[in-house]
C-alpha atoms as a PDB file:
ATOM      1  CA  MET A   1      41.861 121.963  80.069  1.00  0.00           C
ATOM      2  CA  LEU A   2      44.550 121.255  82.613  1.00  0.00           C
ATOM      3  CA  PRO A   3      45.477 117.704  81.385  1.00  0.00           C
ATOM      4  CA  LYS A   4      45.732 119.014  77.872  1.00  0.00           C
ATOM      5  CA  VAL A   5      47.898 121.977  78.956  1.00  0.00           C
ATOM      6  CA  ALA A   6      50.008 119.584  81.040  1.00  0.00           C
ATOM      7  CA  GLY A   7      50.402 117.256  78.095  1.00  0.00           C
ATOM      8  CA  LEU A   8      51.578 120.121  75.825  1.00  0.00           C
ATOM      9  CA  ILE A   9      54.105 121.224  78.397  1.00  0.00           C
ATOM     10  CA  LEU A  10      55.385 117.731  78.711  1.00  0.00           C
ATOM     11  CA  GLU A  11      55.673 117.267  74.945  1.00  0.00           C
ATOM     12  CA  ARG A  12      57.610 120.466  74.625  1.00  0.00           C
ATOM     13  CA  THR A  13      59.921 119.525  77.499  1.00  0.00           C
ATOM     14  CA  ARG A  14      60.506 116.190  75.827  1.00  0.00           C
ATOM     15  CA  ARG A  15      61.481 117.695  72.541  1.00  0.00           C
ATOM     16  CA  GLU A  16      63.850 120.065  74.239  1.00  0.00           C
ATOM     17  CA  SER A  17      65.493 117.304  76.271  1.00  0.00           C
ATOM     18  CA  HIS A  18      65.966 115.251  73.165  1.00  0.00           C
ATOM     19  CA  ALA A  19      67.429 118.136  71.313  1.00  0.00           C
ATOM     20  CA  PHE A  20      69.868 118.733  74.250  1.00  0.00           C
ATOM     21  CA  CYS A  21      71.028 115.125  74.280  1.00  0.00           C
ATOM     22  CA  GLU A  22      71.388 114.814  70.473  1.00  0.00           C
ATOM     23  CA  ASP A  23      73.370 117.972  70.322  1.00  0.00           C
ATOM     24  CA  LEU A  24      75.767 117.005  73.092  1.00  0.00           C
ATOM     25  CA  ILE A  25      76.311 113.487  71.768  1.00  0.00           C
ATOM     26  CA  ASN A  26      77.088 114.860  68.244  1.00  0.00           C
ATOM     27  CA  VAL A  27      79.566 117.337  69.546  1.00  0.00           C
ATOM     28  CA  ALA A  28      81.215 114.667  71.701  1.00  0.00           C
ATOM     29  CA  ILE A  29      81.517 112.222  68.716  1.00  0.00           C
ATOM     30  CA  ASP A  30      82.939 114.944  66.580  1.00  0.00           C
ATOM     31  CA  LYS A  31      85.604 116.054  69.133  1.00  0.00           C
ATOM     32  CA  GLY A  32      86.340 112.703  70.938  1.00  0.00           C
ATOM     33  CA  ARG A  33      89.236 110.530  69.991  1.00  0.00           C
ATOM     34  CA  PHE A  34      89.576 106.800  70.686  1.00  0.00           C
ATOM     35  CA  SER A  35      91.568 106.402  73.962  1.00  0.00           C
ATOM     36  CA  GLY A  36      91.307 102.614  74.501  1.00  0.00           C
ATOM     37  CA  SER A  37      88.958  99.912  75.544  1.00  0.00           C
ATOM     38  CA  VAL A  38      87.864  99.047  79.152  1.00  0.00           C
ATOM     39  CA  VAL A  39      86.398  95.854  80.500  1.00  0.00           C
ATOM     40  CA  LEU A  40      82.875  95.859  81.735  1.00  0.00           C
ATOM     41  CA  GLY A  41      81.911  92.370  82.748  1.00  0.00           C
ATOM     42  CA  ASP A  42      82.319  90.174  79.702  1.00  0.00           C
ATOM     43  CA  ASN A  43      81.844  93.238  77.522  1.00  0.00           C
ATOM     44  CA  ILE A  44      84.245  95.794  76.038  1.00  0.00           C
ATOM     45  CA  CYS A  45      83.496  99.519  76.167  1.00  0.00           C
ATOM     46  CA  GLU A  46      85.375 101.982  74.090  1.00  0.00           C
ATOM     47  CA  ILE A  47      86.479 105.182  75.755  1.00  0.00           C
ATOM     48  CA  ASN A  48      86.845 108.418  73.733  1.00  0.00           C
ATOM     49  CA  VAL A  49      88.276 111.546  75.114  1.00  0.00           C
ATOM     50  CA  SER A  50      88.816 115.129  73.971  1.00  0.00           C
ATOM     51  CA  GLY A  51      91.996 116.965  74.906  1.00  0.00           C
ATOM     52  CA  SER A  52      94.451 115.843  77.533  1.00  0.00           C
ATOM     53  CA  GLY A  53      93.298 117.569  80.728  1.00  0.00           C
ATOM     54  CA  LEU A  54      93.856 116.060  84.145  1.00  0.00           C
ATOM     55  CA  ALA A  55      90.079 115.342  84.620  1.00  0.00           C
ATOM     56  CA  THR A  56      89.613 113.280  81.436  1.00  0.00           C
ATOM     57  CA  GLN A  57      92.913 111.280  82.093  1.00  0.00           C
ATOM     58  CA  THR A  58      92.005 110.708  85.711  1.00  0.00           C
ATOM     59  CA  ILE A  59      88.641 109.006  84.719  1.00  0.00           C
ATOM     60  CA  VAL A  60      90.320 106.904  82.010  1.00  0.00           C
ATOM     61  CA  GLU A  61      93.052 105.762  84.445  1.00  0.00           C
ATOM     62  CA  THR A  62      90.609 104.676  87.124  1.00  0.00           C
ATOM     63  CA  LEU A  63      88.933 102.087  84.892  1.00  0.00           C
ATOM     64  CA  VAL A  64      89.834  98.444  84.281  1.00  0.00           C
ATOM     65  CA  ARG A  65      91.686  98.535  80.905  1.00  0.00           C
ATOM     66  CA  ASP A  66      91.506  95.809  78.269  1.00  0.00           C
ATOM     67  CA  GLU A  67      95.007  94.187  78.244  1.00  0.00           C
ATOM     68  CA  ASN A  68      94.223  92.680  74.800  1.00  0.00           C
ATOM     69  CA  PRO A  69      92.795  95.576  72.810  1.00  0.00           C
ATOM     70  CA  LYS A  70      90.149  94.559  70.393  1.00  0.00           C
ATOM     71  CA  VAL A  71      89.293  96.005  66.981  1.00  0.00           C
ATOM     72  CA  SER A  72      86.629  98.768  67.223  1.00  0.00           C
ATOM     73  CA  LEU A  73      83.242  97.189  66.453  1.00  0.00           C
ATOM     74  CA  PRO A  74      79.918  99.118  65.704  1.00  0.00           C
ATOM     75  CA  THR A  75      78.236  97.003  68.413  1.00  0.00           C
ATOM     76  CA  ASN A  76      80.680  98.111  71.221  1.00  0.00           C
ATOM     77  CA  PRO A  77      79.200 100.540  73.730  1.00  0.00           C
ATOM     78  CA  ARG A  78      81.044 103.932  73.780  1.00  0.00           C
ATOM     79  CA  VAL A  79      81.550 106.507  76.255  1.00  0.00           C
ATOM     80  CA  TYR A  80      82.905 109.987  75.408  1.00  0.00           C
ATOM     81  CA  ILE A  81      84.483 112.261  77.935  1.00  0.00           C
ATOM     82  CA  ILE A  82      84.580 115.884  77.018  1.00  0.00           C
ATOM     83  CA  SER A  83      85.617 118.924  79.039  1.00  0.00           C
ATOM     84  CA  ARG A  84      84.745 122.595  79.166  1.00  0.00           C
ATOM     85  CA  GLU A  85      88.119 123.382  77.323  1.00  0.00           C
ATOM     86  CA  ASP A  86      86.677 121.686  74.220  1.00  0.00           C
ATOM     87  CA  LEU A  87      82.937 122.614  74.699  1.00  0.00           C
ATOM     88  CA  PRO A  88      82.913 125.914  76.679  1.00  0.00           C
ATOM     89  CA  TRP A  89      79.103 125.994  76.866  1.00  0.00           C
ATOM     90  CA  LEU A  90      76.308 123.446  76.816  1.00  0.00           C
ATOM     91  CA  PRO A  91      73.270 123.347  74.501  1.00  0.00           C
ATOM     92  CA  PRO A  92      70.249 125.141  76.031  1.00  0.00           C
ATOM     93  CA  LEU A  93      69.061 123.475  79.267  1.00  0.00           C
ATOM     94  CA  GLU A  94      66.337 125.751  80.542  1.00  0.00           C
ATOM     95  CA  TRP A  95      63.899 122.771  80.259  1.00  0.00           C
ATOM     96  CA  ALA A  96      66.051 120.970  83.041  1.00  0.00           C
ATOM     97  CA  ARG A  97      66.168 123.827  85.693  1.00  0.00           C
ATOM     98  CA  GLY A  98      63.803 121.994  88.050  1.00  0.00           C
ATOM     99  CA  TRP A  99      65.694 118.668  88.081  1.00  0.00           C
ATOM    100  CA  ILE A 100      69.002 120.557  88.347  1.00  0.00           C
ATOM    101  CA  ALA A 101      67.771 122.516  91.406  1.00  0.00           C
ATOM    102  CA  ASN A 102      66.571 119.329  93.051  1.00  0.00           C
ATOM    103  CA  HIS A 103      69.660 117.373  92.131  1.00  0.00           C
ATOM    104  CA  GLN A 104      67.552 114.698  90.412  1.00  0.00           C
ATOM    105  CA  ILE A 105      67.905 112.425  87.376  1.00  0.00           C
ATOM    106  CA  VAL A 106      65.618 113.601  84.609  1.00  0.00           C
ATOM    107  CA  PRO A 107      62.658 111.139  84.557  1.00  0.00           C
ATOM    108  CA  GLU A 108      62.510 108.629  81.776  1.00  0.00           C
ATOM    109  CA  LEU A 109      58.963 109.882  80.947  1.00  0.00           C
ATOM    110  CA  VAL A 110      60.683 113.060  79.780  1.00  0.00           C
ATOM    111  CA  SER A 111      64.075 111.900  78.412  1.00  0.00           C
ATOM    112  CA  TYR A 112      63.529 108.424  76.976  1.00  0.00           C
ATOM    113  CA  PRO A 113      65.330 106.925  74.969  1.00  0.00           C
ATOM    114  CA  PHE A 114      67.977 109.023  76.690  1.00  0.00           C
ATOM    115  CA  ARG A 115      69.050 109.100  80.303  1.00  0.00           C
ATOM    116  CA  VAL A 116      70.148 112.452  81.655  1.00  0.00           C
ATOM    117  CA  PHE A 117      71.655 113.786  84.927  1.00  0.00           C
ATOM    118  CA  LEU A 118      72.999 117.325  85.447  1.00  0.00           C
ATOM    119  CA  ASP A 119      75.070 117.291  88.734  1.00  0.00           C
ATOM    120  CA  ARG A 120      74.599 120.773  90.290  1.00  0.00           C
ATOM    121  CA  HIS A 121      77.476 120.103  92.786  1.00  0.00           C
ATOM    122  CA  THR A 122      80.269 119.438  90.301  1.00  0.00           C
ATOM    123  CA  GLY A 123      78.727 120.838  87.077  1.00  0.00           C
ATOM    124  CA  GLN A 124      79.293 117.450  85.373  1.00  0.00           C
ATOM    125  CA  VAL A 125      76.644 116.363  82.824  1.00  0.00           C
ATOM    126  CA  TYR A 126      75.756 112.675  82.027  1.00  0.00           C
ATOM    127  CA  VAL A 127      73.863 111.647  78.937  1.00  0.00           C
ATOM    128  CA  TYR A 128      73.256 108.093  77.706  1.00  0.00           C
ATOM    129  CA  ASP A 129      71.471 106.961  74.610  1.00  0.00           C
ATOM    130  CA  THR A 130      69.922 103.554  75.242  1.00  0.00           C
ATOM    131  CA  ARG A 131      69.502 102.774  71.553  1.00  0.00           C
ATOM    132  CA  SER A 132      73.146 103.272  70.377  1.00  0.00           C
ATOM    133  CA  ARG A 133      74.569 102.525  73.833  1.00  0.00           C
ATOM    134  CA  THR A 134      76.502 105.815  73.664  1.00  0.00           C
ATOM    135  CA  GLY A 135      77.256 107.825  76.768  1.00  0.00           C
ATOM    136  CA  VAL A 136      78.834 111.301  77.233  1.00  0.00           C
ATOM    137  CA  VAL A 137      80.249 112.896  80.360  1.00  0.00           C
ATOM    138  CA  TRP A 138      80.861 116.599  80.255  1.00  0.00           C
ATOM    139  CA  ILE A 139      83.309 117.999  82.824  1.00  0.00           C
ATOM    140  CA  ARG A 140      83.008 121.619  83.829  1.00  0.00           C
ATOM    141  CA  HIS A 141      85.835 121.954  86.308  1.00  0.00           C
ATOM    142  CA  GLN A 142      88.963 119.890  85.871  1.00  0.00           C
ATOM    143  CA  PHE A 143      89.955 120.276  89.563  1.00  0.00           C
ATOM    144  CA  GLN A 144      86.787 118.710  90.774  1.00  0.00           C
ATOM    145  CA  THR A 145      87.495 115.360  89.063  1.00  0.00           C
ATOM    146  CA  ASP A 146      89.737 113.271  91.393  1.00  0.00           C
ATOM    147  CA  LEU A 147      88.884 110.211  93.493  1.00  0.00           C
ATOM    148  CA  ARG A 148      85.196 111.458  93.249  1.00  0.00           C
ATOM    149  CA  GLY A 149      85.335 110.232  89.682  1.00  0.00           C
ATOM    150  CA  MET A 150      85.367 106.730  91.109  1.00  0.00           C
ATOM    151  CA  ILE A 151      82.166 107.199  93.189  1.00  0.00           C
ATOM    152  CA  THR A 152      78.653 108.696  93.005  1.00  0.00           C
ATOM    153  CA  PRO A 153      77.604 109.902  90.457  1.00  0.00           C
ATOM    154  CA  PHE A 154      80.120 108.797  87.848  1.00  0.00           C
ATOM    155  CA  ARG A 155      79.144 105.139  88.367  1.00  0.00           C
ATOM    156  CA  LEU A 156      75.745 106.233  87.264  1.00  0.00           C
ATOM    157  CA  MET A 157      76.933 106.111  83.683  1.00  0.00           C
ATOM    158  CA  TRP A 158      78.158 102.453  84.143  1.00  0.00           C
ATOM    159  CA  SER A 159      74.738 101.598  85.749  1.00  0.00           C
ATOM    160  CA  TRP A 160      72.833 102.932  82.657  1.00  0.00           C
ATOM    161  CA  LEU A 161      75.182 101.068  80.419  1.00  0.00           C
ATOM    162  CA  ALA A 162      74.869  97.830  82.528  1.00  0.00           C
ATOM    163  CA  THR A 163      71.096  97.907  82.428  1.00  0.00           C
ATOM    164  CA  SER A 164      71.076  98.143  78.523  1.00  0.00           C
ATOM    165  CA  ILE A 165      73.151  95.010  78.216  1.00  0.00           C
ATOM    166  CA  GLY A 166      71.753  92.746  80.817  1.00  0.00           C
ATOM    167  CA  ALA A 167      73.816  93.536  83.885  1.00  0.00           C
ATOM    168  CA  SER A 168      73.587  95.597  87.089  1.00  0.00           C
ATOM    169  CA  VAL A 169      75.957  97.891  88.974  1.00  0.00           C
ATOM    170  CA  ILE A 170      75.755  97.547  92.859  1.00  0.00           C
ATOM    171  CA  HIS A 171      77.423  99.456  95.643  1.00  0.00           C
ATOM    172  CA  ALA A 172      79.497  96.609  97.239  1.00  0.00           C
ATOM    173  CA  SER A 173      82.897  95.046  97.633  1.00  0.00           C
ATOM    174  CA  ALA A 174      83.662  91.572  96.476  1.00  0.00           C
ATOM    175  CA  VAL A 175      86.449  88.949  97.129  1.00  0.00           C
ATOM    176  CA  HIS A 176      87.073  85.699  95.388  1.00  0.00           C
ATOM    177  CA  THR A 177      87.989  82.821  97.815  1.00  0.00           C
ATOM    178  CA  LYS A 178      88.540  79.092  97.395  1.00  0.00           C
ATOM    179  CA  HIS A 179      84.854  78.667  98.255  1.00  0.00           C
ATOM    180  CA  GLY A 180      83.628  81.121  95.704  1.00  0.00           C
ATOM    181  CA  THR A 181      82.939  84.874  95.412  1.00  0.00           C
ATOM    182  CA  ALA A 182      81.727  86.805  98.543  1.00  0.00           C
ATOM    183  CA  VAL A 183      79.945  90.114  98.292  1.00  0.00           C
ATOM    184  CA  PHE A 184      80.033  92.665 101.054  1.00  0.00           C
ATOM    185  CA  ALA A 185      77.282  95.328 100.765  1.00  0.00           C
ATOM    186  CA  GLY A 186      76.166  98.140 102.912  1.00  0.00           C
ATOM    187  CA  ALA A 187      76.190 101.871 103.477  1.00  0.00           C
ATOM    188  CA  SER A 188      79.491 103.779 103.545  1.00  0.00           C
ATOM    189  CA  GLY A 189      81.242 103.175 106.769  1.00  0.00           C
ATOM    190  CA  SER A 190      79.619  99.733 107.469  1.00  0.00           C
ATOM    191  CA  GLY A 191      83.009  98.001 107.065  1.00  0.00           C
ATOM    192  CA  LYS A 192      82.581  96.345 103.654  1.00  0.00           C
ATOM    193  CA  SER A 193      85.730  97.713 102.069  1.00  0.00           C
ATOM    194  CA  THR A 194      87.893  97.148 105.070  1.00  0.00           C
ATOM    195  CA  THR A 195      86.611  93.482 105.392  1.00  0.00           C
ATOM    196  CA  ALA A 196      87.347  92.866 101.766  1.00  0.00           C
ATOM    197  CA  LEU A 197      90.851  94.326 101.983  1.00  0.00           C
ATOM    198  CA  ASN A 198      91.531  92.266 105.167  1.00  0.00           C
ATOM    199  CA  LEU A 199      90.572  89.151 103.293  1.00  0.00           C
ATOM    200  CA  ALA A 200      92.714  90.003 100.320  1.00  0.00           C
ATOM    201  CA  LEU A 201      95.763  90.647 102.541  1.00  0.00           C
ATOM    202  CA  ARG A 202      95.363  87.188 103.999  1.00  0.00           C
ATOM    203  CA  GLY A 203      95.490  85.455 100.648  1.00  0.00           C
ATOM    204  CA  ASP A 204      92.043  85.945  99.023  1.00  0.00           C
ATOM    205  CA  TYR A 205      91.624  87.819  95.726  1.00  0.00           C
ATOM    206  CA  LEU A 206      90.164  91.388  95.766  1.00  0.00           C
ATOM    207  CA  ILE A 207      87.712  91.928  93.006  1.00  0.00           C
ATOM    208  CA  SER A 208      86.537  95.410  93.900  1.00  0.00           C
ATOM    209  CA  ASP A 209      86.189  97.546  97.109  1.00  0.00           C
ATOM    210  CA  ASP A 210      83.317  99.810  96.128  1.00  0.00           C
ATOM    211  CA  CYS A 211      81.572  99.247  92.768  1.00  0.00           C
ATOM    212  CA  LEU A 212      80.585  96.002  91.241  1.00  0.00           C
ATOM    213  CA  TRP A 213      79.387  95.010  87.810  1.00  0.00           C
ATOM    214  CA  VAL A 214      77.172  91.968  88.273  1.00  0.00           C
ATOM    215  CA  GLN A 215      76.207  89.747  85.286  1.00  0.00           C
ATOM    216  CA  ASP A 216      74.884  86.192  85.390  1.00  0.00           C
ATOM    217  CA  GLU A 217      75.569  86.126  89.182  1.00  0.00           C
ATOM    218  CA  LYS A 218      79.244  86.770  88.489  1.00  0.00           C
ATOM    219  CA  CYS A 219      81.083  89.878  89.862  1.00  0.00           C
ATOM    220  CA  TYR A 220      83.435  92.028  87.836  1.00  0.00           C
ATOM    221  CA  PRO A 221      85.324  95.263  88.791  1.00  0.00           C
ATOM    222  CA  VAL A 222      84.456  98.560  87.216  1.00  0.00           C
ATOM    223  CA  PHE A 223      87.440 100.566  88.618  1.00  0.00           C
ATOM    224  CA  SER A 224      91.090  99.431  88.687  1.00  0.00           C
ATOM    225  CA  ARG A 225      91.740 101.176  91.927  1.00  0.00           C
ATOM    226  CA  ALA A 226      90.770 100.828  95.569  1.00  0.00           C
ATOM    227  CA  LYS A 227      90.500 103.599  98.112  1.00  0.00           C
ATOM    228  CA  VAL A 228      91.734 103.612 101.609  1.00  0.00           C
ATOM    229  CA  ASP A 229      92.202 106.098 104.414  1.00  0.00           C
ATOM    230  CA  GLY A 230      95.792 107.043 104.375  1.00  0.00           C
ATOM    231  CA  ASP A 231      96.003 107.274 108.105  1.00  0.00           C
ATOM    232  CA  SER A 232      94.405 103.856 108.929  1.00  0.00           C
ATOM    233  CA  SER A 233      96.128 100.657 110.113  1.00  0.00           C
ATOM    234  CA  ILE A 234      95.204  98.852 106.945  1.00  0.00           C
ATOM    235  CA  ALA A 235      96.977 101.528 104.951  1.00  0.00           C
ATOM    236  CA  ASN A 236     100.125 100.879 106.863  1.00  0.00           C
ATOM    237  CA  THR A 237      99.627  97.158 106.341  1.00  0.00           C
ATOM    238  CA  LEU A 238      99.340  97.758 102.598  1.00  0.00           C
ATOM    239  CA  ILE A 239     102.710  99.651 102.668  1.00  0.00           C
ATOM    240  CA  GLN A 240     104.265  96.899 104.551  1.00  0.00           C
ATOM    241  CA  HIS A 241     103.219  94.575 101.676  1.00  0.00           C
ATOM    242  CA  HIS A 242     104.967  96.994  99.228  1.00  0.00           C
ATOM    243  CA  ILE A 243     101.685  98.296  97.820  1.00  0.00           C
ATOM    244  CA  ALA A 244     102.172 101.822  96.641  1.00  0.00           C
ATOM    245  CA  LEU A 245      99.621 104.297  97.960  1.00  0.00           C
ATOM    246  CA  SER A 246      98.960 107.530  95.949  1.00  0.00           C
ATOM    247  CA  THR A 247      96.719 110.577  96.424  1.00  0.00           C
ATOM    248  CA  TYR A 248      95.459 113.429  94.306  1.00  0.00           C
ATOM    249  CA  SER A 249      96.654 116.957  95.145  1.00  0.00           C
ATOM    250  CA  THR A 250      93.574 118.546  93.649  1.00  0.00           C
ATOM    251  CA  ILE A 251      91.520 118.191  96.753  1.00  0.00           C
ATOM    252  CA  GLY A 252      92.210 118.423 100.493  1.00  0.00           C
ATOM    253  CA  ARG A 253      91.934 115.376 102.727  1.00  0.00           C
ATOM    254  CA  SER A 254      91.447 113.108  99.716  1.00  0.00           C
ATOM    255  CA  LYS A 255      91.573 109.346 100.406  1.00  0.00           C
ATOM    256  CA  ALA A 256      94.661 107.336  99.239  1.00  0.00           C
ATOM    257  CA  PHE A 257      94.336 104.714  96.528  1.00  0.00           C
ATOM    258  CA  PHE A 258      96.154 101.822  95.140  1.00  0.00           C
ATOM    259  CA  THR A 259      96.052  99.590  92.005  1.00  0.00           C
ATOM    260  CA  ILE A 260      94.095  96.423  92.737  1.00  0.00           C
ATOM    261  CA  ALA A 261      96.450  94.448  90.508  1.00  0.00           C
ATOM    262  CA  GLU A 262      99.429  95.280  92.643  1.00  0.00           C
ATOM    263  CA  LEU A 263      97.665  93.575  95.553  1.00  0.00           C
ATOM    264  CA  ASN A 264      96.345  90.523  93.820  1.00  0.00           C
ATOM    265  CA  LYS A 265      99.544  89.703  91.724  1.00  0.00           C
ATOM    266  CA  ARG A 266      97.524  87.295  89.575  1.00  0.00           C
ATOM    267  CA  ARG A 267      94.514  87.097  87.378  1.00  0.00           C
ATOM    268  CA  LEU A 268      91.580  84.738  88.064  1.00  0.00           C
ATOM    269  CA  SER A 269      88.419  83.899  86.045  1.00  0.00           C
ATOM    270  CA  PRO A 270      85.195  85.242  87.453  1.00  0.00           C
ATOM    271  CA  THR A 271      83.226  82.703  89.705  1.00  0.00           C
ATOM    272  CA  ARG A 272      79.577  82.858  90.809  1.00  0.00           C
ATOM    273  CA  VAL A 273      78.546  84.698  93.873  1.00  0.00           C
ATOM    274  CA  VAL A 274      78.189  82.129  96.778  1.00  0.00           C
ATOM    275  CA  HIS A 275      77.252  84.514  99.593  1.00  0.00           C
ATOM    276  CA  ILE A 276      76.159  88.132 100.279  1.00  0.00           C
ATOM    277  CA  PHE A 277      77.272  89.619 103.559  1.00  0.00           C
ATOM    278  CA  PHE A 278      75.887  92.716 105.085  1.00  0.00           C
ATOM    279  CA  PRO A 279      78.578  93.813 107.653  1.00  0.00           C
ATOM    280  CA  HIS A 280      78.316  96.188 110.548  1.00  0.00           C
ATOM    281  CA  ILE A 281      80.517  97.015 113.426  1.00  0.00           C
ATOM    282  CA  SER A 282      79.890  94.914 116.643  1.00  0.00           C
ATOM    283  CA  PRO A 283      81.612  93.939 119.910  1.00  0.00           C
ATOM    284  CA  THR A 284      81.572  90.265 118.915  1.00  0.00           C
ATOM    285  CA  SER A 285      81.990  88.339 115.616  1.00  0.00           C
ATOM    286  CA  ARG A 286      78.946  86.487 114.419  1.00  0.00           C
ATOM    287  CA  HIS A 287      76.491  86.197 111.660  1.00  0.00           C
ATOM    288  CA  LEU A 288      72.653  85.878 111.150  1.00  0.00           C
ATOM    289  CA  MET A 289      71.143  84.353 108.052  1.00  0.00           C
ATOM    290  CA  LEU A 290      68.648  86.387 106.065  1.00  0.00           C
ATOM    291  CA  THR A 291      65.770  85.348 103.849  1.00  0.00           C
ATOM    292  CA  PRO A 292      65.733  86.664 100.165  1.00  0.00           C
ATOM    293  CA  ARG A 293      63.239  89.463 100.827  1.00  0.00           C
ATOM    294  CA  PRO A 294      65.286  91.360 103.505  1.00  0.00           C
ATOM    295  CA  SER A 295      68.484  90.553 101.585  1.00  0.00           C
ATOM    296  CA  TYR A 296      66.926  92.328  98.475  1.00  0.00           C
ATOM    297  CA  ARG A 297      65.699  95.280 100.518  1.00  0.00           C
ATOM    298  CA  ARG A 298      69.004  95.925 101.906  1.00  0.00           C
ATOM    299  CA  LEU A 299      71.077  95.439  98.740  1.00  0.00           C
ATOM    300  CA  GLU A 300      68.651  97.462  96.576  1.00  0.00           C
ATOM    301  CA  ARG A 301      68.393 100.248  99.112  1.00  0.00           C
ATOM    302  CA  ASP A 302      72.188 100.673  99.432  1.00  0.00           C
ATOM    303  CA  SER A 303      72.768 100.460  95.671  1.00  0.00           C
ATOM    304  CA  GLY A 304      69.856 102.771  94.943  1.00  0.00           C
ATOM    305  CA  ARG A 305      71.064 105.408  97.392  1.00  0.00           C
ATOM    306  CA  GLU A 306      74.452 105.583  95.670  1.00  0.00           C
ATOM    307  CA  LEU A 307      72.838 105.636  92.145  1.00  0.00           C
ATOM    308  CA  PHE A 308      70.010 107.967  93.113  1.00  0.00           C
ATOM    309  CA  THR A 309      67.645 105.092  92.232  1.00  0.00           C
ATOM    310  CA  ASN A 310      67.696 101.741  90.456  1.00  0.00           C
ATOM    311  CA  GLY A 311      65.713 101.151  87.262  1.00  0.00           C
ATOM    312  CA  VAL A 312      63.097  98.451  87.178  1.00  0.00           C
ATOM    313  CA  ARG A 313      65.209  96.060  85.136  1.00  0.00           C
ATOM    314  CA  SER A 314      68.147  96.567  87.579  1.00  0.00           C
ATOM    315  CA  ARG A 315      65.860  95.859  90.591  1.00  0.00           C
ATOM    316  CA  LEU A 316      64.664  92.749  88.992  1.00  0.00           C
ATOM    317  CA  ARG A 317      68.261  91.428  88.452  1.00  0.00           C
ATOM    318  CA  ILE A 318      69.160  92.403  92.082  1.00  0.00           C
ATOM    319  CA  ALA A 319      65.981  90.482  93.311  1.00  0.00           C
ATOM    320  CA  ASN A 320      66.955  87.440  91.285  1.00  0.00           C
ATOM    321  CA  LEU A 321      70.442  87.581  92.721  1.00  0.00           C
ATOM    322  CA  CYS A 322      69.179  87.684  96.238  1.00  0.00           C
ATOM    323  CA  ASN A 323      66.698  84.764  95.482  1.00  0.00           C
ATOM    324  CA  ASN A 324      69.517  82.493  94.264  1.00  0.00           C
ATOM    325  CA  VAL A 325      72.319  83.440  96.689  1.00  0.00           C
ATOM    326  CA  PRO A 326      72.325  83.001 100.509  1.00  0.00           C
ATOM    327  CA  ALA A 327      72.848  86.198 102.617  1.00  0.00           C
ATOM    328  CA  SER A 328      73.561  87.070 106.146  1.00  0.00           C
ATOM    329  CA  LEU A 329      74.112  89.907 108.609  1.00  0.00           C
ATOM    330  CA  LEU A 330      77.757  89.938 109.538  1.00  0.00           C
ATOM    331  CA  CYS A 331      78.855  91.354 112.860  1.00  0.00           C
ATOM    332  CA  LEU A 332      82.482  92.592 112.764  1.00  0.00           C
ATOM    333  CA  ALA A 333      84.470  92.365 115.940  1.00  0.00           C
ATOM    334  CA  PRO A 334      87.747  94.336 116.593  1.00  0.00           C
ATOM    335  CA  ASP A 335      89.643  91.068 116.094  1.00  0.00           C
ATOM    336  CA  THR A 336      90.292  90.794 112.363  1.00  0.00           C
ATOM    337  CA  ASP A 337      91.393  87.208 112.499  1.00  0.00           C
ATOM    338  CA  LYS A 338      87.958  86.149 114.110  1.00  0.00           C
ATOM    339  CA  ASN A 339      86.130  88.055 111.267  1.00  0.00           C
ATOM    340  CA  THR A 340      88.206  86.322 108.646  1.00  0.00           C
ATOM    341  CA  ASN A 341      87.711  82.843 110.171  1.00  0.00           C
ATOM    342  CA  LEU A 342      83.985  83.358 110.519  1.00  0.00           C
ATOM    343  CA  ILE A 343      83.546  84.480 106.843  1.00  0.00           C
ATOM    344  CA  HIS A 344      85.549  81.413 105.666  1.00  0.00           C
ATOM    345  CA  ALA A 345      83.514  79.184 107.896  1.00  0.00           C
ATOM    346  CA  VAL A 346      80.171  80.506 106.484  1.00  0.00           C
ATOM    347  CA  LEU A 347      81.490  80.190 102.886  1.00  0.00           C
ATOM    348  CA  GLN A 348      82.536  76.667 103.462  1.00  0.00           C
ATOM    349  CA  ARG A 349      79.040  75.665 104.653  1.00  0.00           C
ATOM    350  CA  ASN A 350      77.451  77.033 101.574  1.00  0.00           C
END
């Protein structure tokens, strides 16, 4: 009897999860208004918002906008951002209490063809319909959306969207050099963002400092801004280069940020990734080549941790990238010039 009972409970939970997703999406579509298009790889995603609250505007502003707005097409993926002011309460979600308590994504076994995550820390809700490529973000507290809108778990929405159109989102920085695109991956604090910024300040082109959209072995930014510790030496260097640093006043000790376009001063067409670096702090500057298997394990682990988990299709794309692109451990010394010279030397030998 137990399997039958379990099956009945699963089916009921599945129906309730589908009803929750459908209700939330329908309300978002009804209340949302077209705000503009953003660039995701070689795709255009339409952003629709309700109201004019700080939270919704903050999220929209952090994304890479389409400089040549295109006509709205039925095939374009769409993301709706709706706040508590426009939808004071959510549809019934008793079915999801266990996953909320454990801070987990609702399993696809329950939610498919939808993806669902209810963030117990911020109260934000993420729903994505894989069939229509329609996403909804419901924001409970306006003041909780600042720079954290650029990091986990908001990038989860872009990861779901990427998977549905043949791309992946990874937790990494990337820089375009004359030798091709270099990716810097690793856990927070490993030095990837600092390394990418140092390269950009020495003439290379910063693609992203935190979150990459990878498609056909090419890297694209998801967010238009980069973060930096406001008290760091690299922040002072940015100011000396007349790069404006800003902060949000909605949260204490928030990191500063700047617009990547201000640093780059020019636009470049995407190029293929030619090397993946896994940096870490060390007394000396050197590198050690990696085979595809450990490269995949590191890249998938770091990205999966930030996204809670990678889907099967995303893992396959990451594995394919690691099979086709050389990788190495990168030991970062205190001497920034030595690090930069080593990276360029490795890229030149590719």
